[in-house]
Amino acid sequence: MNQPSLSREFTIAMQERAIESCDDIEQLRSVAKTLLRAWQMQASFTENYAAQLMHLTPPPFSPASRTAE
């Protein structure tokens, strides 16, 4: 796996500091839920893109396969 660029490393470090300094549990929960959704959307996009590149059908439970029905 490639190393993140310097600018991405900087962004990660900034966000890590913001998370570390937060003491509002509700705000942390909200951020965690947002990140979980973004991570799953990225995973779905990656699966669908790979399937398109290999001329396969999307995985059975991906959002793309549901919109095609």
C-alpha atoms as a PDB file:
ATOM      1  CA  MET A   1       0.000   0.000   0.000  1.00  0.00           C
ATOM      2  CA  ASN A   2       1.268   3.478  -0.843  1.00  0.00           C
ATOM      3  CA  GLN A   3       2.223   5.956   1.834  1.00  0.00           C
ATOM      4  CA  PRO A   4      -0.121   8.963   2.115  1.00  0.00           C
ATOM      5  CA  SER A   5       1.166  12.223   0.670  1.00  0.00           C
ATOM      6  CA  LEU A   6       2.613  14.832   2.993  1.00  0.00           C
ATOM      7  CA  SER A   7      -0.510  16.993   2.689  1.00  0.00           C
ATOM      8  CA  ARG A   8      -2.737  14.007   3.525  1.00  0.00           C
ATOM      9  CA  GLU A   9      -0.521  13.159   6.521  1.00  0.00           C
ATOM     10  CA  PHE A  10      -0.875  16.766   7.692  1.00  0.00           C
ATOM     11  CA  THR A  11      -4.665  16.607   7.354  1.00  0.00           C
ATOM     12  CA  ILE A  12      -4.773  13.323   9.266  1.00  0.00           C
ATOM     13  CA  ALA A  13      -2.626  14.776  12.069  1.00  0.00           C
ATOM     14  CA  MET A  14      -4.853  17.872  12.287  1.00  0.00           C
ATOM     15  CA  GLN A  15      -7.998  15.757  12.514  1.00  0.00           C
ATOM     16  CA  GLU A  16      -6.429  13.430  15.083  1.00  0.00           C
ATOM     17  CA  ARG A  17      -5.619  16.435  17.288  1.00  0.00           C
ATOM     18  CA  ALA A  18      -9.172  17.736  16.942  1.00  0.00           C
ATOM     19  CA  ILE A  19     -10.549  14.330  17.991  1.00  0.00           C
ATOM     20  CA  GLU A  20      -8.132  14.081  20.920  1.00  0.00           C
ATOM     21  CA  SER A  21      -9.106  17.525  22.209  1.00  0.00           C
ATOM     22  CA  CYS A  22     -12.870  16.892  21.988  1.00  0.00           C
ATOM     23  CA  ASP A  23     -14.585  16.006  25.256  1.00  0.00           C
ATOM     24  CA  ASP A  24     -18.175  16.134  23.977  1.00  0.00           C
ATOM     25  CA  ILE A  25     -19.300  12.493  23.688  1.00  0.00           C
ATOM     26  CA  GLU A  26     -22.324  13.389  21.523  1.00  0.00           C
ATOM     27  CA  GLN A  27     -20.112  15.258  19.075  1.00  0.00           C
ATOM     28  CA  LEU A  28     -17.716  12.307  18.951  1.00  0.00           C
ATOM     29  CA  ARG A  29     -20.622   9.908  18.328  1.00  0.00           C
ATOM     30  CA  SER A  30     -21.884  12.090  15.512  1.00  0.00           C
ATOM     31  CA  VAL A  31     -18.442  12.238  13.898  1.00  0.00           C
ATOM     32  CA  ALA A  32     -17.994   8.470  14.304  1.00  0.00           C
ATOM     33  CA  LYS A  33     -21.342   7.792  12.587  1.00  0.00           C
ATOM     34  CA  THR A  34     -20.486  10.171   9.746  1.00  0.00           C
ATOM     35  CA  LEU A  35     -17.103   8.499   9.265  1.00  0.00           C
ATOM     36  CA  LEU A  36     -18.688   5.045   9.317  1.00  0.00           C
ATOM     37  CA  ARG A  37     -21.150   6.050   6.600  1.00  0.00           C
ATOM     38  CA  ALA A  38     -18.388   7.640   4.492  1.00  0.00           C
ATOM     39  CA  TRP A  39     -16.178   4.559   4.881  1.00  0.00           C
ATOM     40  CA  GLN A  40     -19.013   2.253   3.787  1.00  0.00           C
ATOM     41  CA  MET A  41     -19.884   4.475   0.823  1.00  0.00           C
ATOM     42  CA  GLN A  42     -16.223   4.440  -0.225  1.00  0.00           C
ATOM     43  CA  ALA A  43     -16.113   0.636   0.101  1.00  0.00           C
ATOM     44  CA  SER A  44     -19.269   0.316  -1.996  1.00  0.00           C
ATOM     45  CA  PHE A  45     -17.888   2.676  -4.632  1.00  0.00           C
ATOM     46  CA  THR A  46     -14.645   0.699  -4.776  1.00  0.00           C
ATOM     47  CA  GLU A  47     -16.503  -2.624  -5.159  1.00  0.00           C
ATOM     48  CA  ASN A  48     -18.719  -1.257  -7.918  1.00  0.00           C
ATOM     49  CA  TYR A  49     -15.837   0.426  -9.739  1.00  0.00           C
ATOM     50  CA  ALA A  50     -13.766  -2.755  -9.634  1.00  0.00           C
ATOM     51  CA  ALA A  51     -16.755  -4.752 -10.910  1.00  0.00           C
ATOM     52  CA  GLN A  52     -17.183  -2.299 -13.802  1.00  0.00           C
ATOM     53  CA  LEU A  53     -13.494  -2.501 -14.690  1.00  0.00           C
ATOM     54  CA  MET A  54     -13.667  -6.303 -14.774  1.00  0.00           C
ATOM     55  CA  HIS A  55     -17.061  -6.276 -16.548  1.00  0.00           C
ATOM     56  CA  LEU A  56     -18.768  -8.042 -13.642  1.00  0.00           C
ATOM     57  CA  THR A  57     -22.089  -7.358 -12.004  1.00  0.00           C
ATOM     58  CA  PRO A  58     -22.083  -5.379  -8.741  1.00  0.00           C
ATOM     59  CA  PRO A  59     -22.120  -7.289  -5.429  1.00  0.00           C
ATOM     60  CA  PRO A  60     -25.658  -8.394  -4.403  1.00  0.00           C
ATOM     61  CA  PHE A  61     -26.153  -5.985  -1.499  1.00  0.00           C
ATOM     62  CA  SER A  62     -24.491  -2.870  -2.896  1.00  0.00           C
ATOM     63  CA  PRO A  63     -26.504   0.338  -3.471  1.00  0.00           C
ATOM     64  CA  ALA A  64     -25.756   0.165  -7.202  1.00  0.00           C
ATOM     65  CA  SER A  65     -27.359  -3.250  -7.542  1.00  0.00           C
ATOM     66  CA  ARG A  66     -30.491  -2.020  -5.732  1.00  0.00           C
ATOM     67  CA  THR A  67     -30.919   0.994  -8.039  1.00  0.00           C
ATOM     68  CA  ALA A  68     -30.640  -1.256 -11.097  1.00  0.00           C
ATOM     69  CA  GLU A  69     -33.680  -3.296 -10.025  1.00  0.00           C
END
